Amino acid sequence: MTAMNLFLAGIVFKTLHGKRRDPPQASEDRRRQIEFVVKTMVLSSIVGTVFLSITLILPALELRDLTPLCQSLFFQLLAVISFRALRPDDINFDVYKEEPLVA
């Protein structure tokens, strides 16, 4: 768990302080991207902890038969949450349009 959390913290650090991948990106879009990455990494840490807990606790309680069911429900919930987070309508594509050449 510590290694996973350090990895996720490294991704957040690189997002905040690393080189911009898209220089013409609008500052509002950049802010939203950083916010999305930070929220995703924090939620990934929480989800990873919950997943590991479920995987370890069910066999300890002699409920080994429920492990596949719980994991399936867990991954389906994760997929629904992930797909709802994708919103390309919020991106400002005007910064990528070519400027008209002045003759």
N, C-alpha and C. Protein backbone atom coordinates (compact mmCIF):
# COMPACT_ATOMS: atom_id res chain seq x y z
N MET A 1 0.83 -1.20 0.00
CA MET A 1 0.00 0.00 0.00
C MET A 1 0.87 1.25 0.00
N THR A 2 1.96 1.20 0.74
CA THR A 2 2.85 2.36 0.78
C THR A 2 3.44 2.65 -0.59
N ALA A 3 3.85 1.60 -1.29
CA ALA A 3 4.42 1.78 -2.63
C ALA A 3 3.38 2.37 -3.58
N MET A 4 2.15 1.89 -3.49
CA MET A 4 1.08 2.42 -4.34
C MET A 4 0.84 3.89 -4.04
N ASN A 5 0.77 4.25 -2.75
CA ASN A 5 0.53 5.65 -2.39
C ASN A 5 1.69 6.55 -2.80
N LEU A 6 2.92 6.06 -2.70
CA LEU A 6 4.07 6.84 -3.17
C LEU A 6 4.02 7.03 -4.69
N PHE A 7 3.63 6.00 -5.41
CA PHE A 7 3.48 6.10 -6.86
C PHE A 7 2.43 7.14 -7.24
N LEU A 8 1.27 7.09 -6.57
CA LEU A 8 0.20 8.05 -6.85
C LEU A 8 0.63 9.47 -6.48
N ALA A 9 1.36 9.62 -5.38
CA ALA A 9 1.87 10.94 -5.00
C ALA A 9 2.86 11.46 -6.03
N GLY A 10 3.66 10.56 -6.61
CA GLY A 10 4.60 10.95 -7.67
C GLY A 10 3.87 11.46 -8.91
N ILE A 11 2.76 10.82 -9.25
CA ILE A 11 1.97 11.28 -10.40
C ILE A 11 1.41 12.67 -10.13
N VAL A 12 0.91 12.89 -8.93
CA VAL A 12 0.37 14.22 -8.58
C VAL A 12 1.48 15.26 -8.63
N PHE A 13 2.65 14.95 -8.08
CA PHE A 13 3.77 15.89 -8.09
C PHE A 13 4.19 16.22 -9.52
N LYS A 14 4.27 15.20 -10.38
CA LYS A 14 4.66 15.43 -11.77
C LYS A 14 3.62 16.28 -12.49
N THR A 15 2.35 16.07 -12.18
CA THR A 15 1.28 16.86 -12.80
C THR A 15 1.36 18.32 -12.37
N LEU A 16 1.64 18.54 -11.09
CA LEU A 16 1.70 19.91 -10.58
C LEU A 16 2.95 20.66 -11.02
N HIS A 17 4.10 19.97 -11.01
CA HIS A 17 5.37 20.66 -11.21
C HIS A 17 6.11 20.24 -12.47
N GLY A 18 5.58 19.29 -13.21
CA GLY A 18 6.26 18.80 -14.39
C GLY A 18 6.06 19.70 -15.60
N LYS A 19 6.71 19.33 -16.69
CA LYS A 19 6.61 20.08 -17.93
C LYS A 19 5.20 19.95 -18.50
N ARG A 20 4.68 21.03 -19.03
CA ARG A 20 3.36 21.02 -19.65
C ARG A 20 3.39 20.18 -20.91
N ARG A 21 2.45 19.29 -21.05
CA ARG A 21 2.37 18.47 -22.26
C ARG A 21 1.69 19.21 -23.41
N ASP A 22 0.87 20.19 -23.07
CA ASP A 22 0.09 20.90 -24.07
C ASP A 22 0.22 22.40 -23.85
N PRO A 23 1.29 23.03 -24.38
CA PRO A 23 1.53 24.46 -24.12
C PRO A 23 0.39 25.40 -24.49
N PRO A 24 -0.34 25.20 -25.62
CA PRO A 24 -1.41 26.15 -25.92
C PRO A 24 -2.68 25.95 -25.10
N GLN A 25 -2.67 25.01 -24.17
CA GLN A 25 -3.85 24.72 -23.37
C GLN A 25 -4.26 25.94 -22.54
N ALA A 26 -5.54 26.22 -22.51
CA ALA A 26 -6.05 27.34 -21.73
C ALA A 26 -5.81 27.10 -20.24
N SER A 27 -5.60 28.18 -19.50
CA SER A 27 -5.28 28.03 -18.08
C SER A 27 -6.44 27.40 -17.30
N GLU A 28 -7.67 27.69 -17.70
CA GLU A 28 -8.82 27.08 -17.04
C GLU A 28 -8.86 25.57 -17.29
N ASP A 29 -8.53 25.16 -18.52
CA ASP A 29 -8.47 23.73 -18.84
C ASP A 29 -7.34 23.06 -18.07
N ARG A 30 -6.22 23.75 -17.92
CA ARG A 30 -5.08 23.21 -17.16
C ARG A 30 -5.46 23.03 -15.69
N ARG A 31 -6.17 24.02 -15.14
CA ARG A 31 -6.61 23.93 -13.76
C ARG A 31 -7.56 22.74 -13.57
N ARG A 32 -8.49 22.56 -14.51
CA ARG A 32 -9.41 21.44 -14.44
C ARG A 32 -8.69 20.11 -14.58
N GLN A 33 -7.67 20.07 -15.44
CA GLN A 33 -6.90 18.84 -15.62
C GLN A 33 -6.16 18.48 -14.33
N ILE A 34 -5.52 19.46 -13.71
CA ILE A 34 -4.81 19.22 -12.45
C ILE A 34 -5.79 18.76 -11.37
N GLU A 35 -6.94 19.43 -11.30
CA GLU A 35 -7.96 19.05 -10.31
C GLU A 35 -8.42 17.62 -10.54
N PHE A 36 -8.62 17.25 -11.80
CA PHE A 36 -9.06 15.90 -12.13
C PHE A 36 -8.02 14.86 -11.74
N VAL A 37 -6.75 15.13 -12.04
CA VAL A 37 -5.68 14.19 -11.72
C VAL A 37 -5.55 14.02 -10.20
N VAL A 38 -5.59 15.13 -9.46
CA VAL A 38 -5.45 15.05 -8.01
C VAL A 38 -6.62 14.27 -7.40
N LYS A 39 -7.84 14.59 -7.82
CA LYS A 39 -9.01 13.87 -7.31
C LYS A 39 -8.93 12.38 -7.66
N THR A 40 -8.51 12.08 -8.88
CA THR A 40 -8.41 10.69 -9.31
C THR A 40 -7.38 9.93 -8.49
N MET A 41 -6.25 10.54 -8.23
CA MET A 41 -5.21 9.85 -7.46
C MET A 41 -5.63 9.64 -6.00
N VAL A 42 -6.30 10.62 -5.41
CA VAL A 42 -6.79 10.47 -4.04
C VAL A 42 -7.84 9.36 -3.98
N LEU A 43 -8.77 9.38 -4.92
CA LEU A 43 -9.79 8.33 -4.96
C LEU A 43 -9.17 6.97 -5.26
N SER A 44 -8.14 6.93 -6.10
CA SER A 44 -7.46 5.66 -6.38
C SER A 44 -6.82 5.10 -5.12
N SER A 45 -6.26 5.95 -4.30
CA SER A 45 -5.67 5.51 -3.05
C SER A 45 -6.73 4.92 -2.12
N ILE A 46 -7.86 5.60 -2.03
CA ILE A 46 -8.95 5.11 -1.19
C ILE A 46 -9.50 3.79 -1.73
N VAL A 47 -9.71 3.74 -3.04
CA VAL A 47 -10.26 2.54 -3.67
C VAL A 47 -9.30 1.37 -3.52
N GLY A 48 -8.01 1.61 -3.68
CA GLY A 48 -7.02 0.55 -3.52
C GLY A 48 -7.03 -0.02 -2.11
N THR A 49 -7.16 0.86 -1.13
CA THR A 49 -7.22 0.42 0.26
C THR A 49 -8.47 -0.41 0.53
N VAL A 50 -9.60 0.05 0.01
CA VAL A 50 -10.86 -0.69 0.20
C VAL A 50 -10.77 -2.05 -0.49
N PHE A 51 -10.24 -2.07 -1.72
CA PHE A 51 -10.12 -3.33 -2.45
C PHE A 51 -9.24 -4.33 -1.71
N LEU A 52 -8.11 -3.89 -1.22
CA LEU A 52 -7.22 -4.77 -0.48
C LEU A 52 -7.87 -5.24 0.82
N SER A 53 -8.59 -4.35 1.47
CA SER A 53 -9.28 -4.73 2.70
C SER A 53 -10.33 -5.82 2.44
N ILE A 54 -11.13 -5.63 1.39
CA ILE A 54 -12.14 -6.63 1.05
C ILE A 54 -11.48 -7.96 0.71
N THR A 55 -10.41 -7.91 -0.06
CA THR A 55 -9.72 -9.13 -0.46
C THR A 55 -9.14 -9.88 0.73
N LEU A 56 -8.69 -9.17 1.76
CA LEU A 56 -8.10 -9.81 2.93
C LEU A 56 -9.12 -10.17 4.02
N ILE A 57 -10.16 -9.37 4.17
CA ILE A 57 -11.10 -9.58 5.26
C ILE A 57 -12.07 -10.74 4.98
N LEU A 58 -12.57 -10.84 3.75
CA LEU A 58 -13.54 -11.90 3.46
C LEU A 58 -13.00 -13.30 3.74
N PRO A 59 -11.79 -13.65 3.29
CA PRO A 59 -11.28 -14.99 3.65
C PRO A 59 -11.06 -15.16 5.16
N ALA A 60 -10.69 -14.09 5.84
CA ALA A 60 -10.48 -14.18 7.29
C ALA A 60 -11.79 -14.43 8.03
N LEU A 61 -12.90 -13.98 7.47
CA LEU A 61 -14.21 -14.20 8.08
C LEU A 61 -14.90 -15.46 7.55
N GLU A 62 -14.14 -16.29 6.85
CA GLU A 62 -14.67 -17.52 6.25
C GLU A 62 -15.78 -17.24 5.25
N LEU A 63 -15.71 -16.11 4.56
CA LEU A 63 -16.67 -15.74 3.52
C LEU A 63 -15.99 -15.72 2.15
N ARG A 64 -15.10 -16.68 1.96
CA ARG A 64 -14.31 -16.76 0.74
C ARG A 64 -15.20 -16.83 -0.52
N ASP A 65 -16.39 -17.43 -0.38
CA ASP A 65 -17.29 -17.58 -1.53
C ASP A 65 -17.84 -16.24 -2.02
N LEU A 66 -17.86 -15.24 -1.17
CA LEU A 66 -18.38 -13.92 -1.55
C LEU A 66 -17.33 -13.02 -2.21
N THR A 67 -16.08 -13.44 -2.21
CA THR A 67 -15.00 -12.61 -2.75
C THR A 67 -15.23 -12.26 -4.22
N PRO A 68 -15.54 -13.23 -5.12
CA PRO A 68 -15.76 -12.85 -6.52
C PRO A 68 -16.94 -11.89 -6.70
N LEU A 69 -18.01 -12.10 -5.95
CA LEU A 69 -19.17 -11.22 -6.04
C LEU A 69 -18.82 -9.80 -5.61
N CYS A 70 -18.15 -9.67 -4.49
CA CYS A 70 -17.76 -8.34 -3.99
C CYS A 70 -16.80 -7.65 -4.96
N GLN A 71 -15.85 -8.39 -5.49
CA GLN A 71 -14.90 -7.80 -6.43
C GLN A 71 -15.59 -7.37 -7.72
N SER A 72 -16.54 -8.17 -8.20
CA SER A 72 -17.27 -7.81 -9.41
C SER A 72 -18.07 -6.53 -9.20
N LEU A 73 -18.79 -6.45 -8.09
CA LEU A 73 -19.56 -5.23 -7.78
C LEU A 73 -18.64 -4.03 -7.63
N PHE A 74 -17.51 -4.25 -7.01
CA PHE A 74 -16.53 -3.18 -6.80
C PHE A 74 -16.03 -2.63 -8.13
N PHE A 75 -15.66 -3.52 -9.07
CA PHE A 75 -15.15 -3.07 -10.37
C PHE A 75 -16.23 -2.42 -11.22
N GLN A 76 -17.45 -2.90 -11.13
CA GLN A 76 -18.55 -2.27 -11.86
C GLN A 76 -18.81 -0.85 -11.35
N LEU A 77 -18.80 -0.69 -10.05
CA LEU A 77 -18.97 0.64 -9.47
C LEU A 77 -17.84 1.56 -9.90
N LEU A 78 -16.63 1.04 -9.90
CA LEU A 78 -15.47 1.82 -10.33
C LEU A 78 -15.60 2.25 -11.79
N ALA A 79 -16.08 1.36 -12.66
CA ALA A 79 -16.26 1.69 -14.08
C ALA A 79 -17.32 2.77 -14.26
N VAL A 80 -18.42 2.67 -13.55
CA VAL A 80 -19.49 3.68 -13.66
C VAL A 80 -18.97 5.05 -13.23
N ILE A 81 -18.25 5.09 -12.12
CA ILE A 81 -17.71 6.36 -11.63
C ILE A 81 -16.70 6.93 -12.62
N SER A 82 -15.86 6.07 -13.21
CA SER A 82 -14.84 6.53 -14.15
C SER A 82 -15.46 7.10 -15.41
N PHE A 83 -16.48 6.46 -15.95
CA PHE A 83 -17.10 6.94 -17.18
C PHE A 83 -17.87 8.23 -16.98
N ARG A 84 -18.41 8.43 -15.80
CA ARG A 84 -19.14 9.67 -15.53
C ARG A 84 -18.19 10.85 -15.39
N ALA A 85 -16.92 10.59 -15.10
CA ALA A 85 -15.95 11.68 -14.91
C ALA A 85 -15.46 12.26 -16.24
N LEU A 86 -15.64 11.53 -17.34
CA LEU A 86 -15.17 12.01 -18.65
C LEU A 86 -16.16 13.01 -19.23
N ARG A 87 -15.72 14.25 -19.41
CA ARG A 87 -16.59 15.30 -19.95
C ARG A 87 -15.83 16.14 -20.97
N PRO A 88 -15.79 15.70 -22.23
CA PRO A 88 -15.07 16.49 -23.23
C PRO A 88 -15.77 17.80 -23.59
N ASP A 89 -17.02 17.97 -23.17
CA ASP A 89 -17.74 19.21 -23.47
C ASP A 89 -17.15 20.41 -22.74
N ASP A 90 -16.44 20.18 -21.65
CA ASP A 90 -15.90 21.28 -20.85
C ASP A 90 -14.57 21.82 -21.39
N ILE A 91 -13.99 21.17 -22.39
CA ILE A 91 -12.67 21.56 -22.88
C ILE A 91 -12.81 22.71 -23.88
N ASN A 92 -11.95 23.71 -23.76
CA ASN A 92 -11.94 24.86 -24.65
C ASN A 92 -11.01 24.54 -25.83
N PHE A 93 -11.59 24.26 -26.99
CA PHE A 93 -10.79 23.91 -28.17
C PHE A 93 -10.42 25.14 -29.01
N ASP A 94 -10.85 26.33 -28.60
CA ASP A 94 -10.56 27.54 -29.36
C ASP A 94 -9.08 27.85 -29.41
N VAL A 95 -8.31 27.44 -28.42
CA VAL A 95 -6.88 27.74 -28.40
C VAL A 95 -6.11 26.97 -29.48
N TYR A 96 -6.74 25.95 -30.07
CA TYR A 96 -6.08 25.14 -31.08
C TYR A 96 -6.41 25.58 -32.51
N LYS A 97 -7.34 26.52 -32.66
CA LYS A 97 -7.72 26.99 -33.99
C LYS A 97 -6.59 27.84 -34.56
N GLU A 98 -6.43 27.73 -35.85
CA GLU A 98 -5.39 28.52 -36.52
C GLU A 98 -5.81 29.97 -36.58
N GLU A 99 -4.82 30.83 -36.39
CA GLU A 99 -5.05 32.26 -36.54
C GLU A 99 -5.09 32.58 -38.03
N PRO A 100 -6.02 33.41 -38.46
CA PRO A 100 -6.05 33.77 -39.88
C PRO A 100 -4.81 34.58 -40.26
N LEU A 101 -4.26 34.27 -41.42
CA LEU A 101 -3.09 34.98 -41.89
C LEU A 101 -3.49 36.36 -42.38
N VAL A 102 -2.78 37.37 -41.94
CA VAL A 102 -3.07 38.74 -42.35
C VAL A 102 -2.27 39.02 -43.62
N ALA A 103 -2.96 39.42 -44.68
CA ALA A 103 -2.27 39.66 -45.95
C ALA A 103 -1.90 41.10 -46.13
